[in-house]
Amino acid sequence: MHILTLAIGNDYRKALTKALESKRIYAKKHGYTYIEADEEYWDRHRPIAWSKVGFLLTILNKLPDGELIWLSDADVLITNSDLKIEDHVLPLLPPEKDLLFIHDACHHLNSGNVLMRNSKWLRDFWSRVNKRTDCTYHIWWENMAMIMELQENSGDKDKIQITTQHKKFNAYLMGKEGEPLWEPNDFLVHFAGVYNPLKMESLIEEIFNGKVPRLSL
């Protein structure tokens, strides 16, 4: 199991110190490989979010087929390190599929936490996502590119599993009415929709102090 996270910018990394550290601790506890990338993978010709696709492809091309990869955004805090990927998340990805996408609490596909099984198809999929110049400046960046690839290539559906069990692997502090949100015993919390690193840092402190913060859409 390989956990990949891209964190660019000293101020950003500083604000997310506890989130990044939670992944290091988690990986060490369960014997996973944790790779935290920085400016080395920064594609300065596009919005920063795109850089994680290039980073992912670099790692995928180095790994053998069949290896499990968890691509996780920097703004993700692990809150229950006892839960192993193999037990908690992998059952959501059928053996014949190579990519697990989460339909989130806001009713969108989200790339903040993605579980993958390395394969020729997987590398091709992310290569196609990376080449979507029509999505370069879309408000969802690479997230929109992956959605469009899925919509335009029917064959991809044979390899992609979409789950609505977002609370298991991509829990939020906000969402549509009726959707379950993050609670303290959940595996992780993703600060999706929060763009100010200092706000993320504040939310993390609230969680460490035993609070259960909520945000409005």
N, C-alpha and C. Protein backbone atom coordinates (compact mmCIF):
# COMPACT_ATOMS: atom_id res chain seq x y z
N MET A 1 0.85 -1.20 0.00
CA MET A 1 0.00 0.00 0.00
C MET A 1 0.88 1.24 0.00
N HIS A 2 0.59 2.15 -0.93
CA HIS A 2 1.34 3.39 -1.04
C HIS A 2 0.38 4.57 -0.86
N ILE A 3 0.68 5.43 0.08
CA ILE A 3 -0.13 6.63 0.32
C ILE A 3 0.60 7.82 -0.28
N LEU A 4 -0.07 8.54 -1.17
CA LEU A 4 0.55 9.67 -1.87
C LEU A 4 -0.16 10.97 -1.50
N THR A 5 0.62 11.98 -1.15
CA THR A 5 0.07 13.30 -0.84
C THR A 5 1.00 14.37 -1.40
N LEU A 6 0.41 15.35 -2.05
CA LEU A 6 1.17 16.49 -2.58
C LEU A 6 0.85 17.73 -1.76
N ALA A 7 1.89 18.37 -1.23
CA ALA A 7 1.71 19.59 -0.44
C ALA A 7 2.73 20.62 -0.90
N ILE A 8 2.24 21.67 -1.55
CA ILE A 8 3.13 22.68 -2.13
C ILE A 8 2.99 24.00 -1.38
N GLY A 9 4.12 24.56 -0.99
CA GLY A 9 4.14 25.87 -0.32
C GLY A 9 4.40 25.74 1.17
N ASN A 10 5.38 26.48 1.68
CA ASN A 10 5.75 26.39 3.09
C ASN A 10 4.60 26.75 4.02
N ASP A 11 3.88 27.82 3.68
CA ASP A 11 2.76 28.25 4.53
C ASP A 11 1.65 27.20 4.54
N TYR A 12 1.41 26.62 3.39
CA TYR A 12 0.38 25.58 3.27
C TYR A 12 0.75 24.37 4.12
N ARG A 13 2.00 23.93 3.98
CA ARG A 13 2.46 22.78 4.76
C ARG A 13 2.43 23.06 6.26
N LYS A 14 2.80 24.29 6.62
CA LYS A 14 2.80 24.66 8.04
C LYS A 14 1.39 24.59 8.62
N ALA A 15 0.42 25.14 7.88
CA ALA A 15 -0.96 25.14 8.36
C ALA A 15 -1.51 23.72 8.49
N LEU A 16 -1.03 22.83 7.64
CA LEU A 16 -1.53 21.45 7.62
C LEU A 16 -0.57 20.47 8.29
N THR A 17 0.28 20.98 9.16
CA THR A 17 1.28 20.15 9.83
C THR A 17 0.67 18.90 10.46
N LYS A 18 -0.40 19.08 11.21
CA LYS A 18 -1.01 17.95 11.92
C LYS A 18 -1.70 16.98 10.97
N ALA A 19 -2.24 17.49 9.88
CA ALA A 19 -2.87 16.60 8.89
C ALA A 19 -1.82 15.74 8.21
N LEU A 20 -0.72 16.36 7.80
CA LEU A 20 0.35 15.61 7.14
C LEU A 20 0.99 14.62 8.11
N GLU A 21 1.17 15.05 9.35
CA GLU A 21 1.77 14.16 10.35
C GLU A 21 0.86 12.97 10.62
N SER A 22 -0.45 13.18 10.55
CA SER A 22 -1.38 12.07 10.80
C SER A 22 -1.19 10.95 9.78
N LYS A 23 -0.80 11.30 8.56
CA LYS A 23 -0.58 10.29 7.53
C LYS A 23 0.75 9.57 7.74
N ARG A 24 1.76 10.32 8.16
CA ARG A 24 3.05 9.68 8.45
C ARG A 24 2.89 8.65 9.56
N ILE A 25 2.19 9.05 10.61
CA ILE A 25 1.97 8.15 11.75
C ILE A 25 1.15 6.94 11.32
N TYR A 26 0.12 7.18 10.52
CA TYR A 26 -0.76 6.10 10.06
C TYR A 26 0.01 5.10 9.20
N ALA A 27 0.80 5.61 8.26
CA ALA A 27 1.57 4.73 7.37
C ALA A 27 2.56 3.89 8.17
N LYS A 28 3.24 4.51 9.10
CA LYS A 28 4.22 3.77 9.92
C LYS A 28 3.54 2.70 10.75
N LYS A 29 2.39 3.02 11.29
CA LYS A 29 1.65 2.08 12.15
C LYS A 29 1.27 0.81 11.41
N HIS A 30 0.91 0.95 10.12
CA HIS A 30 0.40 -0.20 9.37
C HIS A 30 1.40 -0.74 8.33
N GLY A 31 2.60 -0.17 8.31
CA GLY A 31 3.61 -0.67 7.38
C GLY A 31 3.39 -0.25 5.94
N TYR A 32 2.72 0.87 5.74
CA TYR A 32 2.49 1.39 4.39
C TYR A 32 3.64 2.32 3.99
N THR A 33 3.79 2.51 2.70
CA THR A 33 4.75 3.50 2.18
C THR A 33 4.04 4.84 2.06
N TYR A 34 4.63 5.87 2.64
CA TYR A 34 4.05 7.21 2.55
C TYR A 34 4.99 8.10 1.75
N ILE A 35 4.47 8.69 0.70
CA ILE A 35 5.26 9.60 -0.13
C ILE A 35 4.61 10.97 -0.11
N GLU A 36 5.31 11.92 0.48
CA GLU A 36 4.82 13.30 0.55
C GLU A 36 5.63 14.15 -0.41
N ALA A 37 5.02 14.58 -1.48
CA ALA A 37 5.72 15.35 -2.51
C ALA A 37 5.57 16.84 -2.27
N ASP A 38 6.51 17.60 -2.84
CA ASP A 38 6.48 19.05 -2.66
C ASP A 38 6.71 19.76 -3.99
N GLU A 39 7.45 20.85 -3.96
CA GLU A 39 7.64 21.69 -5.15
C GLU A 39 8.32 20.98 -6.30
N GLU A 40 8.95 19.86 -6.03
CA GLU A 40 9.60 19.09 -7.09
C GLU A 40 8.61 18.74 -8.20
N TYR A 41 7.35 18.57 -7.84
CA TYR A 41 6.32 18.16 -8.81
C TYR A 41 5.40 19.31 -9.23
N TRP A 42 5.76 20.50 -8.88
CA TRP A 42 4.92 21.67 -9.18
C TRP A 42 4.96 22.00 -10.67
N ASP A 43 3.82 21.88 -11.31
CA ASP A 43 3.65 22.28 -12.71
C ASP A 43 3.23 23.75 -12.70
N ARG A 44 4.17 24.63 -12.92
CA ARG A 44 3.92 26.07 -12.79
C ARG A 44 3.13 26.66 -13.95
N HIS A 45 2.81 25.82 -14.94
CA HIS A 45 2.06 26.31 -16.10
C HIS A 45 0.55 26.13 -15.93
N ARG A 46 0.15 25.50 -14.82
CA ARG A 46 -1.27 25.26 -14.57
C ARG A 46 -1.57 25.50 -13.09
N PRO A 47 -2.84 25.64 -12.73
CA PRO A 47 -3.19 25.73 -11.31
C PRO A 47 -2.61 24.55 -10.53
N ILE A 48 -2.23 24.80 -9.29
CA ILE A 48 -1.50 23.82 -8.48
C ILE A 48 -2.18 22.45 -8.42
N ALA A 49 -3.50 22.43 -8.37
CA ALA A 49 -4.21 21.15 -8.22
C ALA A 49 -3.81 20.12 -9.29
N TRP A 50 -3.44 20.61 -10.47
CA TRP A 50 -3.05 19.70 -11.54
C TRP A 50 -1.76 18.95 -11.23
N SER A 51 -0.93 19.53 -10.39
CA SER A 51 0.38 18.93 -10.13
C SER A 51 0.27 17.54 -9.51
N LYS A 52 -0.83 17.29 -8.81
CA LYS A 52 -0.95 15.97 -8.18
C LYS A 52 -1.15 14.87 -9.22
N VAL A 53 -1.65 15.22 -10.40
CA VAL A 53 -1.82 14.20 -11.44
C VAL A 53 -0.46 13.80 -12.00
N GLY A 54 0.39 14.79 -12.25
CA GLY A 54 1.74 14.49 -12.71
C GLY A 54 2.52 13.68 -11.68
N PHE A 55 2.36 14.06 -10.43
CA PHE A 55 2.99 13.33 -9.32
C PHE A 55 2.51 11.88 -9.30
N LEU A 56 1.20 11.70 -9.38
CA LEU A 56 0.62 10.36 -9.37
C LEU A 56 1.16 9.52 -10.52
N LEU A 57 1.19 10.07 -11.72
CA LEU A 57 1.66 9.32 -12.88
C LEU A 57 3.12 8.91 -12.73
N THR A 58 3.93 9.79 -12.16
CA THR A 58 5.34 9.45 -11.93
C THR A 58 5.46 8.22 -11.04
N ILE A 59 4.68 8.18 -9.98
CA ILE A 59 4.73 7.04 -9.07
C ILE A 59 4.14 5.79 -9.70
N LEU A 60 3.01 5.93 -10.39
CA LEU A 60 2.38 4.77 -11.03
C LEU A 60 3.33 4.10 -12.01
N ASN A 61 4.08 4.90 -12.74
CA ASN A 61 4.99 4.36 -13.75
C ASN A 61 6.18 3.63 -13.13
N LYS A 62 6.39 3.81 -11.84
CA LYS A 62 7.49 3.14 -11.14
C LYS A 62 7.05 1.87 -10.42
N LEU A 63 5.74 1.73 -10.23
CA LEU A 63 5.22 0.61 -9.46
C LEU A 63 4.73 -0.53 -10.35
N PRO A 64 4.82 -1.75 -9.86
CA PRO A 64 4.30 -2.88 -10.64
C PRO A 64 2.78 -2.89 -10.67
N ASP A 65 2.23 -3.55 -11.66
CA ASP A 65 0.78 -3.69 -11.74
C ASP A 65 0.28 -4.43 -10.50
N GLY A 66 -0.91 -4.04 -10.06
CA GLY A 66 -1.50 -4.69 -8.91
C GLY A 66 -1.25 -4.00 -7.59
N GLU A 67 -0.28 -3.09 -7.55
CA GLU A 67 0.00 -2.37 -6.30
C GLU A 67 -1.16 -1.44 -5.95
N LEU A 68 -1.46 -1.34 -4.67
CA LEU A 68 -2.52 -0.46 -4.20
C LEU A 68 -1.97 0.91 -3.89
N ILE A 69 -2.69 1.94 -4.35
CA ILE A 69 -2.28 3.32 -4.14
C ILE A 69 -3.46 4.11 -3.59
N TRP A 70 -3.20 4.89 -2.58
CA TRP A 70 -4.20 5.81 -2.04
C TRP A 70 -3.68 7.23 -2.26
N LEU A 71 -4.32 7.94 -3.17
CA LEU A 71 -4.00 9.35 -3.41
C LEU A 71 -4.89 10.19 -2.52
N SER A 72 -4.27 10.95 -1.62
CA SER A 72 -5.02 11.71 -0.63
C SER A 72 -4.56 13.16 -0.61
N ASP A 73 -5.50 14.08 -0.69
CA ASP A 73 -5.15 15.50 -0.67
C ASP A 73 -4.49 15.88 0.66
N ALA A 74 -3.72 16.96 0.60
CA ALA A 74 -3.01 17.42 1.80
C ALA A 74 -3.97 17.85 2.90
N ASP A 75 -5.16 18.32 2.51
CA ASP A 75 -6.13 18.81 3.51
C ASP A 75 -7.02 17.69 4.04
N VAL A 76 -6.40 16.56 4.30
CA VAL A 76 -7.10 15.40 4.85
C VAL A 76 -6.42 15.02 6.17
N LEU A 77 -7.21 14.90 7.21
CA LEU A 77 -6.71 14.54 8.54
C LEU A 77 -7.23 13.16 8.91
N ILE A 78 -6.34 12.24 9.22
CA ILE A 78 -6.75 10.92 9.68
C ILE A 78 -7.15 11.02 11.15
N THR A 79 -8.34 10.57 11.46
CA THR A 79 -8.86 10.71 12.82
C THR A 79 -9.10 9.38 13.52
N ASN A 80 -8.90 8.29 12.82
CA ASN A 80 -8.99 6.97 13.44
C ASN A 80 -7.95 6.07 12.78
N SER A 81 -6.76 6.06 13.34
CA SER A 81 -5.64 5.34 12.73
C SER A 81 -5.72 3.83 12.93
N ASP A 82 -6.70 3.36 13.67
CA ASP A 82 -6.85 1.91 13.88
C ASP A 82 -7.45 1.21 12.66
N LEU A 83 -8.10 1.98 11.79
CA LEU A 83 -8.77 1.40 10.63
C LEU A 83 -7.79 1.19 9.48
N LYS A 84 -7.60 -0.05 9.09
CA LYS A 84 -6.70 -0.37 7.99
C LYS A 84 -7.42 -0.25 6.65
N ILE A 85 -6.70 0.21 5.64
CA ILE A 85 -7.26 0.34 4.30
C ILE A 85 -7.82 -1.00 3.82
N GLU A 86 -7.07 -2.06 4.04
CA GLU A 86 -7.48 -3.37 3.55
C GLU A 86 -8.82 -3.82 4.13
N ASP A 87 -9.09 -3.42 5.35
CA ASP A 87 -10.33 -3.83 6.01
C ASP A 87 -11.46 -2.82 5.83
N HIS A 88 -11.10 -1.55 5.84
CA HIS A 88 -12.10 -0.49 5.89
C HIS A 88 -12.52 0.03 4.51
N VAL A 89 -11.57 0.09 3.58
CA VAL A 89 -11.85 0.72 2.27
C VAL A 89 -11.77 -0.26 1.11
N LEU A 90 -10.78 -1.12 1.11
CA LEU A 90 -10.58 -2.03 -0.03
C LEU A 90 -11.81 -2.85 -0.40
N PRO A 91 -12.65 -3.27 0.56
CA PRO A 91 -13.87 -4.01 0.19
C PRO A 91 -14.80 -3.22 -0.74
N LEU A 92 -14.63 -1.90 -0.80
CA LEU A 92 -15.46 -1.08 -1.69
C LEU A 92 -14.97 -1.14 -3.14
N LEU A 93 -13.75 -1.66 -3.35
CA LEU A 93 -13.17 -1.74 -4.69
C LEU A 93 -13.15 -3.20 -5.13
N PRO A 94 -14.07 -3.61 -6.01
CA PRO A 94 -14.12 -5.00 -6.47
C PRO A 94 -12.81 -5.41 -7.16
N PRO A 95 -12.46 -6.69 -7.12
CA PRO A 95 -11.20 -7.17 -7.70
C PRO A 95 -11.04 -6.84 -9.18
N GLU A 96 -12.16 -6.76 -9.90
CA GLU A 96 -12.08 -6.50 -11.34
C GLU A 96 -11.99 -5.01 -11.68
N LYS A 97 -12.05 -4.14 -10.66
CA LYS A 97 -11.98 -2.70 -10.87
C LYS A 97 -10.62 -2.18 -10.42
N ASP A 98 -10.20 -1.05 -10.99
CA ASP A 98 -8.89 -0.49 -10.65
C ASP A 98 -8.95 0.89 -10.02
N LEU A 99 -10.13 1.47 -9.90
CA LEU A 99 -10.23 2.84 -9.41
C LEU A 99 -11.51 3.04 -8.62
N LEU A 100 -11.37 3.55 -7.40
CA LEU A 100 -12.52 3.82 -6.55
C LEU A 100 -12.71 5.32 -6.40
N PHE A 101 -13.85 5.82 -6.89
CA PHE A 101 -14.20 7.22 -6.74
C PHE A 101 -15.31 7.35 -5.70
N ILE A 102 -15.30 8.48 -5.02
CA ILE A 102 -16.30 8.75 -3.99
C ILE A 102 -17.31 9.78 -4.49
N HIS A 103 -18.58 9.44 -4.36
CA HIS A 103 -19.66 10.41 -4.59
C HIS A 103 -19.90 11.06 -3.24
N ASP A 104 -19.53 12.33 -3.12
CA ASP A 104 -19.39 12.95 -1.80
C ASP A 104 -20.70 13.48 -1.21
N ALA A 105 -20.57 14.10 -0.04
CA ALA A 105 -21.74 14.61 0.69
C ALA A 105 -22.41 15.78 -0.02
N CYS A 106 -21.71 16.36 -0.99
CA CYS A 106 -22.27 17.47 -1.77
C CYS A 106 -22.82 16.98 -3.10
N HIS A 107 -22.82 15.65 -3.29
CA HIS A 107 -23.38 14.99 -4.48
C HIS A 107 -22.53 15.21 -5.72
N HIS A 108 -21.21 15.20 -5.54
CA HIS A 108 -20.27 15.30 -6.65
C HIS A 108 -19.24 14.19 -6.53
N LEU A 109 -18.64 13.82 -7.67
CA LEU A 109 -17.46 12.96 -7.62
C LEU A 109 -16.30 13.82 -7.15
N ASN A 110 -15.51 13.30 -6.23
CA ASN A 110 -14.42 14.09 -5.67
C ASN A 110 -13.13 13.28 -5.65
N SER A 111 -12.04 13.93 -6.04
CA SER A 111 -10.74 13.25 -6.14
C SER A 111 -9.88 13.43 -4.90
N GLY A 112 -10.46 13.91 -3.80
CA GLY A 112 -9.67 14.16 -2.60
C GLY A 112 -9.08 12.92 -1.97
N ASN A 113 -9.79 11.81 -2.06
CA ASN A 113 -9.30 10.52 -1.58
C ASN A 113 -9.69 9.46 -2.60
N VAL A 114 -8.70 8.88 -3.25
CA VAL A 114 -8.95 7.92 -4.32
C VAL A 114 -8.11 6.67 -4.07
N LEU A 115 -8.74 5.52 -4.10
CA LEU A 115 -8.03 4.25 -3.96
C LEU A 115 -7.89 3.62 -5.33
N MET A 116 -6.69 3.12 -5.63
CA MET A 116 -6.40 2.61 -6.97
C MET A 116 -5.62 1.30 -6.92
N ARG A 117 -5.77 0.54 -7.99
CA ARG A 117 -4.98 -0.66 -8.20
C ARG A 117 -4.20 -0.44 -9.50
N ASN A 118 -2.89 -0.37 -9.41
CA ASN A 118 -2.09 -0.01 -10.58
C ASN A 118 -2.28 -0.98 -11.74
N SER A 119 -2.45 -0.41 -12.93
CA SER A 119 -2.64 -1.21 -14.13
C SER A 119 -2.36 -0.34 -15.35
N LYS A 120 -2.25 -0.98 -16.50
CA LYS A 120 -2.07 -0.24 -17.75
C LYS A 120 -3.24 0.70 -17.98
N TRP A 121 -4.45 0.19 -17.74
CA TRP A 121 -5.63 1.05 -17.91
C TRP A 121 -5.57 2.25 -16.99
N LEU A 122 -5.20 2.05 -15.72
CA LEU A 122 -5.16 3.15 -14.76
C LEU A 122 -4.19 4.24 -15.20
N ARG A 123 -3.03 3.84 -15.65
CA ARG A 123 -2.03 4.83 -16.11
C ARG A 123 -2.55 5.59 -17.32
N ASP A 124 -3.24 4.87 -18.21
CA ASP A 124 -3.80 5.53 -19.38
C ASP A 124 -4.89 6.52 -18.99
N PHE A 125 -5.74 6.13 -18.03
CA PHE A 125 -6.82 7.01 -17.59
C PHE A 125 -6.26 8.32 -17.05
N TRP A 126 -5.30 8.25 -16.16
CA TRP A 126 -4.75 9.48 -15.57
C TRP A 126 -3.94 10.28 -16.58
N SER A 127 -3.37 9.61 -17.57
CA SER A 127 -2.68 10.33 -18.65
C SER A 127 -3.68 11.14 -19.46
N ARG A 128 -4.83 10.55 -19.72
CA ARG A 128 -5.88 11.28 -20.44
C ARG A 128 -6.40 12.46 -19.63
N VAL A 129 -6.59 12.24 -18.33
CA VAL A 129 -7.01 13.33 -17.45
C VAL A 129 -6.00 14.47 -17.51
N ASN A 130 -4.73 14.11 -17.46
CA ASN A 130 -3.66 15.11 -17.43
C ASN A 130 -3.59 15.95 -18.70
N LYS A 131 -4.12 15.41 -19.80
CA LYS A 131 -4.05 16.10 -21.09
C LYS A 131 -5.29 16.94 -21.40
N ARG A 132 -6.24 17.02 -20.47
CA ARG A 132 -7.49 17.75 -20.70
C ARG A 132 -7.26 19.25 -20.55
N THR A 133 -6.79 19.86 -21.62
CA THR A 133 -6.55 21.31 -21.57
C THR A 133 -7.85 22.10 -21.47
N ASP A 134 -8.97 21.48 -21.84
CA ASP A 134 -10.25 22.18 -21.74
C ASP A 134 -10.69 22.37 -20.29
N CYS A 135 -10.03 21.67 -19.39
CA CYS A 135 -10.38 21.76 -17.96
C CYS A 135 -9.32 22.49 -17.14
N THR A 136 -8.30 22.99 -17.81
CA THR A 136 -7.17 23.59 -17.09
C THR A 136 -7.61 24.62 -16.06
N TYR A 137 -8.53 25.50 -16.45
CA TYR A 137 -8.94 26.57 -15.54
C TYR A 137 -10.38 26.41 -15.04
N HIS A 138 -10.92 25.22 -15.22
CA HIS A 138 -12.24 24.96 -14.64
C HIS A 138 -12.13 25.07 -13.13
N ILE A 139 -13.19 25.49 -12.47
CA ILE A 139 -13.17 25.68 -11.02
C ILE A 139 -12.83 24.39 -10.27
N TRP A 140 -13.08 23.23 -10.92
CA TRP A 140 -12.76 21.94 -10.29
C TRP A 140 -11.47 21.33 -10.84
N TRP A 141 -10.78 22.02 -11.76
CA TRP A 141 -9.49 21.59 -12.29
C TRP A 141 -9.48 20.11 -12.70
N GLU A 142 -8.54 19.35 -12.15
CA GLU A 142 -8.38 17.94 -12.54
C GLU A 142 -9.59 17.10 -12.15
N ASN A 143 -10.33 17.56 -11.17
CA ASN A 143 -11.53 16.83 -10.76
C ASN A 143 -12.57 16.83 -11.89
N MET A 144 -12.70 17.96 -12.57
CA MET A 144 -13.62 18.03 -13.70
C MET A 144 -13.11 17.19 -14.87
N ALA A 145 -11.79 17.17 -15.05
CA ALA A 145 -11.21 16.38 -16.13
C ALA A 145 -11.50 14.90 -15.96
N MET A 146 -11.41 14.41 -14.74
CA MET A 146 -11.69 12.99 -14.52
C MET A 146 -13.17 12.69 -14.72
N ILE A 147 -14.04 13.62 -14.34
CA ILE A 147 -15.48 13.44 -14.55
C ILE A 147 -15.79 13.38 -16.04
N MET A 148 -15.18 14.26 -16.81
CA MET A 148 -15.42 14.29 -18.25
C MET A 148 -14.89 13.04 -18.94
N GLU A 149 -13.74 12.56 -18.50
CA GLU A 149 -13.21 11.32 -19.08
C GLU A 149 -14.18 10.17 -18.83
N LEU A 150 -14.73 10.12 -17.65
CA LEU A 150 -15.68 9.07 -17.31
C LEU A 150 -16.95 9.18 -18.15
N GLN A 151 -17.40 10.42 -18.38
CA GLN A 151 -18.61 10.64 -19.17
C GLN A 151 -18.41 10.32 -20.64
N GLU A 152 -17.22 10.58 -21.16
CA GLU A 152 -16.97 10.47 -22.60
C GLU A 152 -16.43 9.11 -23.04
N ASN A 153 -15.97 8.31 -22.10
CA ASN A 153 -15.38 7.02 -22.44
C ASN A 153 -16.11 5.91 -21.69
N SER A 154 -17.07 5.30 -22.36
CA SER A 154 -17.92 4.31 -21.71
C SER A 154 -17.12 3.11 -21.19
N GLY A 155 -16.01 2.80 -21.85
CA GLY A 155 -15.20 1.67 -21.43
C GLY A 155 -14.59 1.85 -20.06
N ASP A 156 -14.40 3.11 -19.65
CA ASP A 156 -13.81 3.37 -18.34
C ASP A 156 -14.70 2.86 -17.20
N LYS A 157 -15.98 2.80 -17.46
CA LYS A 157 -16.91 2.36 -16.42
C LYS A 157 -16.66 0.92 -15.99
N ASP A 158 -16.03 0.15 -16.89
CA ASP A 158 -15.72 -1.24 -16.54
C ASP A 158 -14.63 -1.33 -15.48
N LYS A 159 -13.86 -0.27 -15.34
CA LYS A 159 -12.72 -0.28 -14.42
C LYS A 159 -12.89 0.65 -13.22
N ILE A 160 -13.97 1.44 -13.21
CA ILE A 160 -14.18 2.42 -12.15
C ILE A 160 -15.37 2.04 -11.28
N GLN A 161 -15.15 2.03 -9.99
CA GLN A 161 -16.22 1.80 -9.02
C GLN A 161 -16.54 3.13 -8.34
N ILE A 162 -17.81 3.49 -8.32
CA ILE A 162 -18.25 4.72 -7.65
C ILE A 162 -19.09 4.33 -6.44
N THR A 163 -18.72 4.85 -5.29
CA THR A 163 -19.47 4.55 -4.07
C THR A 163 -20.03 5.82 -3.44
N THR A 164 -21.16 5.68 -2.82
CA THR A 164 -21.75 6.80 -2.08
C THR A 164 -21.40 6.73 -0.60
N GLN A 165 -20.57 5.79 -0.22
CA GLN A 165 -20.18 5.64 1.19
C GLN A 165 -19.04 6.61 1.54
N HIS A 166 -19.31 7.88 1.31
CA HIS A 166 -18.28 8.91 1.51
C HIS A 166 -17.83 9.04 2.96
N LYS A 167 -18.70 8.71 3.89
CA LYS A 167 -18.33 8.84 5.30
C LYS A 167 -17.19 7.88 5.66
N LYS A 168 -17.04 6.81 4.89
CA LYS A 168 -15.98 5.84 5.14
C LYS A 168 -14.61 6.32 4.69
N PHE A 169 -14.57 7.12 3.61
CA PHE A 169 -13.28 7.39 2.97
C PHE A 169 -13.10 8.83 2.50
N ASN A 170 -14.11 9.68 2.70
CA ASN A 170 -13.97 11.08 2.26
C ASN A 170 -14.97 11.95 3.01
N ALA A 171 -15.00 11.80 4.33
CA ALA A 171 -15.99 12.49 5.15
C ALA A 171 -15.75 14.00 5.16
N TYR A 172 -16.85 14.76 5.11
CA TYR A 172 -16.80 16.22 5.09
C TYR A 172 -17.38 16.80 6.39
N LEU A 173 -17.18 18.11 6.52
CA LEU A 173 -17.80 18.86 7.61
C LEU A 173 -19.06 19.57 7.13
N MET A 174 -19.37 19.42 5.84
CA MET A 174 -20.57 20.04 5.28
C MET A 174 -21.11 19.14 4.18
N GLY A 175 -22.38 19.33 3.84
CA GLY A 175 -22.96 18.52 2.79
C GLY A 175 -24.43 18.83 2.59
N LYS A 176 -25.01 18.15 1.62
CA LYS A 176 -26.43 18.31 1.35
C LYS A 176 -27.25 17.78 2.53
N GLU A 177 -28.46 18.29 2.64
CA GLU A 177 -29.33 17.88 3.73
C GLU A 177 -29.54 16.36 3.72
N GLY A 178 -29.38 15.77 4.88
CA GLY A 178 -29.58 14.33 5.01
C GLY A 178 -28.34 13.49 4.81
N GLU A 179 -27.26 14.09 4.31
CA GLU A 179 -26.03 13.34 4.10
C GLU A 179 -25.24 13.24 5.42
N PRO A 180 -24.70 12.07 5.73
CA PRO A 180 -23.91 11.92 6.95
C PRO A 180 -22.59 12.68 6.85
N LEU A 181 -22.19 13.33 7.92
CA LEU A 181 -20.96 14.11 7.96
C LEU A 181 -19.96 13.48 8.94
N TRP A 182 -18.75 14.02 8.92
CA TRP A 182 -17.68 13.48 9.76
C TRP A 182 -18.05 13.48 11.24
N GLU A 183 -17.65 12.40 11.90
CA GLU A 183 -17.76 12.27 13.35
C GLU A 183 -16.44 11.74 13.89
N PRO A 184 -16.14 11.96 15.17
CA PRO A 184 -14.82 11.66 15.73
C PRO A 184 -14.27 10.27 15.48
N ASN A 185 -15.08 9.24 15.43
CA ASN A 185 -14.56 7.89 15.24
C ASN A 185 -14.38 7.50 13.77
N ASP A 186 -14.71 8.41 12.87
CA ASP A 186 -14.54 8.13 11.44
C ASP A 186 -13.06 8.06 11.08
N PHE A 187 -12.78 7.41 9.96
CA PHE A 187 -11.41 7.20 9.50
C PHE A 187 -10.68 8.52 9.27
N LEU A 188 -11.34 9.44 8.57
CA LEU A 188 -10.67 10.69 8.22
C LEU A 188 -11.69 11.79 7.97
N VAL A 189 -11.17 13.00 7.91
CA VAL A 189 -11.99 14.15 7.52
C VAL A 189 -11.24 14.91 6.43
N HIS A 190 -11.97 15.28 5.39
CA HIS A 190 -11.43 16.05 4.28
C HIS A 190 -12.02 17.45 4.33
N PHE A 191 -11.16 18.46 4.39
CA PHE A 191 -11.63 19.84 4.50
C PHE A 191 -11.95 20.43 3.13
N ALA A 192 -12.72 19.70 2.37
CA ALA A 192 -13.12 20.14 1.03
C ALA A 192 -13.96 21.41 1.13
N GLY A 193 -13.73 22.32 0.20
CA GLY A 193 -14.48 23.57 0.20
C GLY A 193 -13.90 24.64 1.10
N VAL A 194 -12.83 24.32 1.82
CA VAL A 194 -12.14 25.30 2.66
C VAL A 194 -10.85 25.68 1.93
N TYR A 195 -10.73 26.92 1.53
CA TYR A 195 -9.59 27.32 0.70
C TYR A 195 -8.55 28.14 1.45
N ASN A 196 -8.87 28.53 2.66
CA ASN A 196 -7.93 29.29 3.49
C ASN A 196 -7.18 28.33 4.40
N PRO A 197 -5.86 28.18 4.22
CA PRO A 197 -5.09 27.26 5.05
C PRO A 197 -5.21 27.54 6.55
N LEU A 198 -5.32 28.81 6.92
CA LEU A 198 -5.45 29.15 8.33
C LEU A 198 -6.79 28.67 8.89
N LYS A 199 -7.82 28.68 8.05
CA LYS A 199 -9.12 28.14 8.46
C LYS A 199 -9.02 26.63 8.66
N MET A 200 -8.30 25.97 7.75
CA MET A 200 -8.09 24.52 7.90
C MET A 200 -7.37 24.24 9.21
N GLU A 201 -6.33 25.02 9.49
CA GLU A 201 -5.57 24.84 10.72
C GLU A 201 -6.46 25.01 11.94
N SER A 202 -7.35 26.00 11.89
CA SER A 202 -8.27 26.25 12.98
C SER A 202 -9.24 25.08 13.18
N LEU A 203 -9.73 24.53 12.08
CA LEU A 203 -10.64 23.39 12.16
C LEU A 203 -9.94 22.16 12.74
N ILE A 204 -8.70 21.97 12.36
CA ILE A 204 -7.92 20.85 12.90
C ILE A 204 -7.76 20.99 14.40
N GLU A 205 -7.48 22.22 14.85
CA GLU A 205 -7.34 22.46 16.29
C GLU A 205 -8.65 22.17 17.03
N GLU A 206 -9.76 22.56 16.42
CA GLU A 206 -11.06 22.26 17.03
C GLU A 206 -11.24 20.76 17.21
N ILE A 207 -10.88 20.01 16.18
CA ILE A 207 -11.02 18.56 16.24
C ILE A 207 -10.11 17.96 17.31
N PHE A 208 -8.88 18.46 17.39
CA PHE A 208 -7.95 17.97 18.40
C PHE A 208 -8.43 18.31 19.81
N ASN A 209 -9.24 19.34 19.91
CA ASN A 209 -9.79 19.74 21.21
C ASN A 209 -11.13 19.07 21.51
N GLY A 210 -11.47 18.08 20.70
CA GLY A 210 -12.67 17.29 20.97
C GLY A 210 -13.96 17.83 20.41
N LYS A 211 -13.87 18.87 19.57
CA LYS A 211 -15.08 19.44 19.00
C LYS A 211 -15.44 18.76 17.68
N VAL A 212 -16.66 18.97 17.24
CA VAL A 212 -17.14 18.43 15.97
C VAL A 212 -17.62 19.61 15.13
N PRO A 213 -16.71 20.28 14.43
CA PRO A 213 -17.08 21.48 13.67
C PRO A 213 -17.98 21.16 12.49
N ARG A 214 -18.76 22.14 12.09
CA ARG A 214 -19.62 22.03 10.92
C ARG A 214 -19.48 23.29 10.09
N LEU A 215 -19.60 23.13 8.78
CA LEU A 215 -19.52 24.25 7.84
C LEU A 215 -20.79 24.31 7.02
N SER A 216 -21.08 25.48 6.49
CA SER A 216 -22.26 25.67 5.64
C SER A 216 -21.85 25.60 4.18
N LEU A 217 -22.73 25.08 3.35
CA LEU A 217 -22.48 25.04 1.91
C LEU A 217 -22.52 26.45 1.33
